[in-house]
Amino acid sequence: MHAKTAEFDFELQELELLAKLLSHPARIAIIKLLAAQKTCISGDIANELPLSRATVCQHLQELKNAGLIKGEINGLNVNYCLNVEKWKAVKARFEGLFALTIHDFHCNC
């Protein structure tokens, strides 16, 4: 038995994974925090969110595994920042999807 998602092409599967990653408010909050800083953050991101340090670390790891953020060890801290090139690709993927849906449709339903 295999997942039905395997029946869809790679582009659709990738878009689905990105949507899942962006479907949690903690991950969106992390992304917004990193975007607002416009630089790498070496402080404790968990202090900025109403979640435990362990939970924040799990969300950071998911974002990092997807390539949406970068994390580099600097002494005892990890510096996190957005992966701008990956975000450009993500933006293009979603814009492509949205462009397909924003037409002058004349539907009577």
Protein backbone atom coordinates (compact mmCIF):
# COMPACT_ATOMS: atom_id res chain seq x y z
CA MET A 1 0.00 0.00 0.00
CA HIS A 2 1.40 3.42 -0.89
CA ALA A 3 0.28 6.92 -0.16
CA LYS A 4 -1.94 8.52 -2.77
CA THR A 5 0.29 11.60 -2.70
CA ALA A 6 2.90 9.54 -4.57
CA GLU A 7 0.55 9.62 -7.56
CA PHE A 8 1.09 13.38 -7.94
CA ASP A 9 4.07 14.98 -9.62
CA PHE A 10 7.08 16.24 -7.69
CA GLU A 11 6.10 19.92 -7.94
CA LEU A 12 2.72 19.28 -6.31
CA GLN A 13 4.27 17.13 -3.59
CA GLU A 14 6.86 19.83 -2.86
CA LEU A 15 4.14 22.50 -2.64
CA GLU A 16 2.22 20.28 -0.24
CA LEU A 17 5.26 19.89 2.01
CA LEU A 18 5.84 23.64 2.03
CA ALA A 19 2.19 24.27 2.90
CA LYS A 20 2.44 21.81 5.79
CA LEU A 21 5.54 23.55 7.09
CA LEU A 22 3.78 26.90 6.99
CA SER A 23 0.62 25.54 8.61
CA HIS A 24 1.82 25.92 12.21
CA PRO A 25 1.64 29.31 13.95
CA ALA A 26 4.92 28.70 15.81
CA ARG A 27 6.82 28.21 12.55
CA ILE A 28 5.19 31.30 11.06
CA ALA A 29 6.13 33.27 14.19
CA ILE A 30 9.74 32.07 13.87
CA ILE A 31 9.83 33.08 10.21
CA LYS A 32 8.35 36.50 10.99
CA LEU A 33 10.85 37.01 13.81
CA LEU A 34 13.79 36.15 11.56
CA ALA A 35 12.43 38.32 8.74
CA ALA A 36 11.94 41.29 11.05
CA GLN A 37 15.53 41.09 12.29
CA LYS A 38 16.94 41.23 8.75
CA THR A 39 20.03 39.49 10.15
CA CYS A 40 20.96 36.29 11.91
CA ILE A 41 19.70 35.80 15.45
CA SER A 42 22.12 34.30 17.91
CA GLY A 43 19.94 34.82 20.98
CA ASP A 44 17.38 32.46 22.39
CA ILE A 45 14.40 32.46 20.03
CA ALA A 46 12.40 30.54 22.64
CA ASN A 47 12.33 33.72 24.77
CA GLU A 48 10.27 35.37 22.03
CA LEU A 49 7.59 32.67 21.79
CA PRO A 50 5.04 31.27 24.26
CA LEU A 51 6.49 27.77 23.89
CA SER A 52 9.07 25.65 25.65
CA ARG A 53 12.65 25.70 24.44
CA ALA A 54 12.34 22.06 23.33
CA THR A 55 9.25 22.80 21.23
CA VAL A 56 10.89 25.82 19.60
CA CYS A 57 13.97 23.70 18.84
CA GLN A 58 11.76 21.12 17.11
CA HIS A 59 10.15 23.81 14.94
CA LEU A 60 13.55 25.34 14.13
CA GLN A 61 14.84 21.91 13.11
CA GLU A 62 11.86 21.33 10.80
CA LEU A 63 12.38 24.71 9.13
CA LYS A 64 16.10 24.04 8.83
CA ASN A 65 15.59 20.54 7.39
CA ALA A 66 13.34 22.06 4.73
CA GLY A 67 16.00 24.63 3.92
CA LEU A 68 13.77 27.58 4.82
CA ILE A 69 16.19 28.76 7.48
CA LYS A 70 19.90 28.38 8.09
CA GLY A 71 21.45 27.59 11.43
CA GLU A 72 25.14 27.72 12.17
CA ILE A 73 26.85 26.98 15.46
CA ASN A 74 28.72 29.96 16.88
CA GLY A 75 30.29 29.04 20.20
CA LEU A 76 27.51 28.00 22.56
CA ASN A 77 24.77 29.55 20.41
CA VAL A 78 23.27 28.79 17.04
CA ASN A 79 22.83 31.69 14.64
CA TYR A 80 19.57 31.41 12.70
CA CYS A 81 18.53 33.35 9.64
CA LEU A 82 16.24 33.00 6.66
CA ASN A 83 17.55 31.19 3.61
CA VAL A 84 16.72 33.98 1.16
CA GLU A 85 17.35 31.91 -1.97
CA LYS A 86 15.00 29.18 -0.78
CA TRP A 87 12.34 31.78 0.10
CA LYS A 88 12.56 33.21 -3.42
CA ALA A 89 11.87 29.71 -4.79
CA VAL A 90 9.00 29.18 -2.33
CA LYS A 91 7.49 32.53 -3.27
CA ALA A 92 7.69 31.63 -6.96
CA ARG A 93 5.98 28.27 -6.33
CA PHE A 94 3.07 29.82 -4.47
CA GLU A 95 2.80 32.75 -6.89
CA GLY A 96 2.55 30.21 -9.70
CA LEU A 97 -0.31 28.49 -7.92
CA PHE A 98 -2.07 31.75 -7.08
CA ALA A 99 -1.65 33.06 -10.61
CA LEU A 100 -3.63 30.07 -11.87
CA THR A 101 -6.51 30.93 -9.57
CA ILE A 102 -6.71 34.68 -10.12
CA HIS A 103 -8.46 35.05 -13.42
CA ASP A 104 -11.65 36.71 -14.46
CA PHE A 105 -13.76 33.62 -14.03
CA HIS A 106 -17.42 33.93 -14.81
CA CYS A 107 -18.88 31.21 -12.69
CA ASN A 108 -22.54 31.06 -11.75
CA CYS A 109 -22.04 28.92 -8.68
